[in-house]
C-alpha cells in the first residue's frame, strides 16, 4: 500500500534524514503516526477521516501544549455574501493587530486542502508568535471533499 508521501514524493525517504537528534526525533514521530492512505479512485469518507485523524495526531504531537500566554481569537470577515474565518494567534506580550505598522504572519496551513484546521496548527502558530514576536493570522478554509 502506498502512502500519500510515497506516492507524491517517492524520493523522500525519512530514514535518510538522520543528521541530528532533532531530525531523528521527527523521523520517529512521522513513522509512529504515518497514516497509510491508499491513493486509489474509490476512497471513502472513512479513509479521508482516518487520514485527517492520524495527520492531526502527528502534527499536534510536535507542539503538545499551547501556552496559557497564547491568545487565539476567532474573527469573521465578510464581503458581500462571502465570509472568511480567520483566527488571530498571539503571545500575550504582543500588541494586537489593530496597530497598522506591526508585521504579521499570514498563515495558510498545509494539508493539500484535505486536512488541517485551527486545532491542528494553533500550537505551532503560538510557537511562531512567541519566537518571532509577531501576530499570526490563521486563514481557515473548507476542506475537500
Protein backbone atom coordinates (compact mmCIF):
# COMPACT_ATOMS: atom_id res chain seq x y z
CA UNK A 1 0.00 0.00 0.00
CA UNK A 2 1.33 3.43 -0.93
CA UNK A 3 1.07 6.32 1.44
CA UNK A 4 0.41 9.83 0.27
CA UNK A 5 4.02 10.77 0.97
CA UNK A 6 5.44 7.85 -1.01
CA UNK A 7 3.10 8.42 -3.94
CA UNK A 8 3.77 12.16 -4.27
CA UNK A 9 7.36 12.27 -3.00
CA UNK A 10 8.98 8.92 -3.80
CA UNK A 11 12.44 10.45 -3.47
CA UNK A 12 11.83 11.36 0.18
CA UNK A 13 12.91 8.60 2.48
CA UNK A 14 12.51 9.74 6.11
CA UNK A 15 15.02 7.15 7.26
CA UNK A 16 17.75 9.02 5.37
CA UNK A 17 17.17 12.20 7.42
CA UNK A 18 19.34 11.40 10.40
CA UNK A 19 21.85 14.22 10.59
CA UNK A 20 20.99 15.35 14.12
CA UNK A 21 18.90 14.43 17.16
CA UNK A 22 16.00 16.71 16.18
CA UNK A 23 15.80 15.16 12.72
CA UNK A 24 15.86 11.67 14.18
CA UNK A 25 13.05 12.60 16.59
CA UNK A 26 10.98 13.96 13.71
CA UNK A 27 11.50 10.79 11.68
CA UNK A 28 10.39 8.67 14.64
CA UNK A 29 7.29 10.82 15.04
CA UNK A 30 6.40 10.57 11.35
CA UNK A 31 6.85 6.81 11.38
CA UNK A 32 4.71 6.47 14.53
CA UNK A 33 1.76 8.33 13.02
CA UNK A 34 2.27 7.67 9.32
CA UNK A 35 -1.31 7.33 8.06
CA UNK A 36 -1.41 4.72 5.33
CA UNK A 37 -3.77 6.24 2.78
CA UNK A 38 -4.05 4.21 -0.36
CA UNK A 39 -4.37 6.65 -3.24
CA UNK A 40 -6.99 4.87 -5.24
CA UNK A 41 -10.02 6.11 -7.12
CA UNK A 42 -12.55 4.69 -4.68
CA UNK A 43 -11.53 6.50 -1.47
CA UNK A 44 -14.31 6.60 1.08
CA UNK A 45 -15.15 9.33 3.55
CA UNK A 46 -13.90 6.97 6.27
CA UNK A 47 -10.49 6.74 4.55
CA UNK A 48 -10.25 10.52 4.44
CA UNK A 49 -11.39 10.92 8.06
CA UNK A 50 -8.80 8.35 9.17
CA UNK A 51 -6.09 10.22 7.28
CA UNK A 52 -7.20 13.51 8.88
CA UNK A 53 -7.20 11.94 12.34
CA UNK A 54 -3.68 10.49 12.03
CA UNK A 55 -2.33 13.68 10.49
CA UNK A 56 -3.74 15.76 13.33
CA UNK A 57 -2.25 13.36 15.90
CA UNK A 58 1.17 13.66 14.31
CA UNK A 59 1.13 17.44 13.92
CA UNK A 60 -0.20 18.17 17.41
CA UNK A 61 2.47 15.87 18.87
CA UNK A 62 5.14 18.24 17.54
CA UNK A 63 3.90 21.01 19.87
CA UNK A 64 1.97 19.16 22.58
CA UNK A 65 0.88 22.11 24.72
CA UNK A 66 -0.40 25.55 23.92
CA UNK A 67 0.90 28.04 26.45
CA UNK A 68 -1.64 29.87 28.60
CA UNK A 69 0.05 33.07 27.42
CA UNK A 70 -1.06 32.36 23.85
CA UNK A 71 -4.30 34.03 22.82
CA UNK A 72 -6.36 32.56 19.97
CA UNK A 73 -9.31 34.64 18.82
CA UNK A 74 -11.85 33.88 16.09
CA UNK A 75 -12.81 36.61 13.59
CA UNK A 76 -15.20 36.56 10.65
CA UNK A 77 -14.52 38.82 7.69
CA UNK A 78 -17.44 39.46 5.36
CA UNK A 79 -17.53 40.84 1.85
CA UNK A 80 -20.96 40.95 0.24
CA UNK A 81 -22.36 37.44 0.79
CA UNK A 82 -18.96 35.79 1.31
CA UNK A 83 -17.22 35.22 4.60
CA UNK A 84 -13.78 34.07 5.69
CA UNK A 85 -12.96 32.66 9.12
CA UNK A 86 -9.66 33.92 10.45
CA UNK A 87 -8.00 33.31 13.79
CA UNK A 88 -5.56 35.73 15.33
CA UNK A 89 -2.88 33.95 17.34
CA UNK A 90 -0.56 35.96 19.51
CA UNK A 91 1.60 35.72 22.53
CA UNK A 92 0.11 37.96 25.22
CA UNK A 93 3.09 40.33 25.15
CA UNK A 94 2.47 41.23 21.51
CA UNK A 95 0.23 44.13 20.59
CA UNK A 96 -2.99 43.28 18.89
CA UNK A 97 -3.28 43.57 15.11
CA UNK A 98 -5.00 46.97 15.28
CA UNK A 99 -1.55 48.56 15.19
CA UNK A 100 -1.07 49.20 11.47
CA UNK A 101 2.72 49.18 11.45
CA UNK A 102 3.18 45.83 13.21
CA UNK A 103 4.39 42.97 10.98
CA UNK A 104 2.22 39.87 10.84
CA UNK A 105 2.45 36.31 9.59
CA UNK A 106 -0.41 35.36 7.28
CA UNK A 107 -0.56 31.59 7.77
CA UNK A 108 -2.22 29.31 5.23
CA UNK A 109 -1.76 25.87 6.72
CA UNK A 110 -0.57 22.87 4.74
CA UNK A 111 -2.61 19.77 4.17
CA UNK A 112 -3.35 19.94 0.47
CA UNK A 113 -6.84 21.33 1.17
CA UNK A 114 -7.71 17.89 2.58
CA UNK A 115 -6.67 18.06 6.24
CA UNK A 116 -5.72 20.58 8.88
CA UNK A 117 -7.54 23.24 10.88
CA UNK A 118 -7.00 25.69 13.72
CA UNK A 119 -6.82 22.83 16.25
CA UNK A 120 -4.11 21.12 14.21
CA UNK A 121 -1.87 24.15 13.74
CA UNK A 122 -2.57 26.60 16.60
CA UNK A 123 0.13 25.11 18.83
CA UNK A 124 2.73 25.66 16.14
CA UNK A 125 1.34 29.11 15.39
CA UNK A 126 1.61 30.03 19.09
CA UNK A 127 5.23 28.91 18.97
CA UNK A 128 5.80 31.10 15.89
CA UNK A 129 4.15 34.10 17.51
CA UNK A 130 6.28 33.85 20.62
CA UNK A 131 9.59 33.02 18.95
CA UNK A 132 9.25 35.66 16.20
CA UNK A 133 7.41 38.20 18.36
CA UNK A 134 4.73 38.59 15.69
CA UNK A 135 0.99 38.25 15.32
CA UNK A 136 -0.13 35.21 13.31
CA UNK A 137 -3.31 35.26 11.23
CA UNK A 138 -4.56 31.74 10.51
CA UNK A 139 -6.83 31.61 7.46
CA UNK A 140 -9.46 28.88 7.71
CA UNK A 141 -10.80 27.27 4.56
CA UNK A 142 -13.13 24.48 3.55
CA UNK A 143 -11.52 21.07 3.22
CA UNK A 144 -12.15 18.79 0.27
CA UNK A 145 -14.11 16.72 -0.47
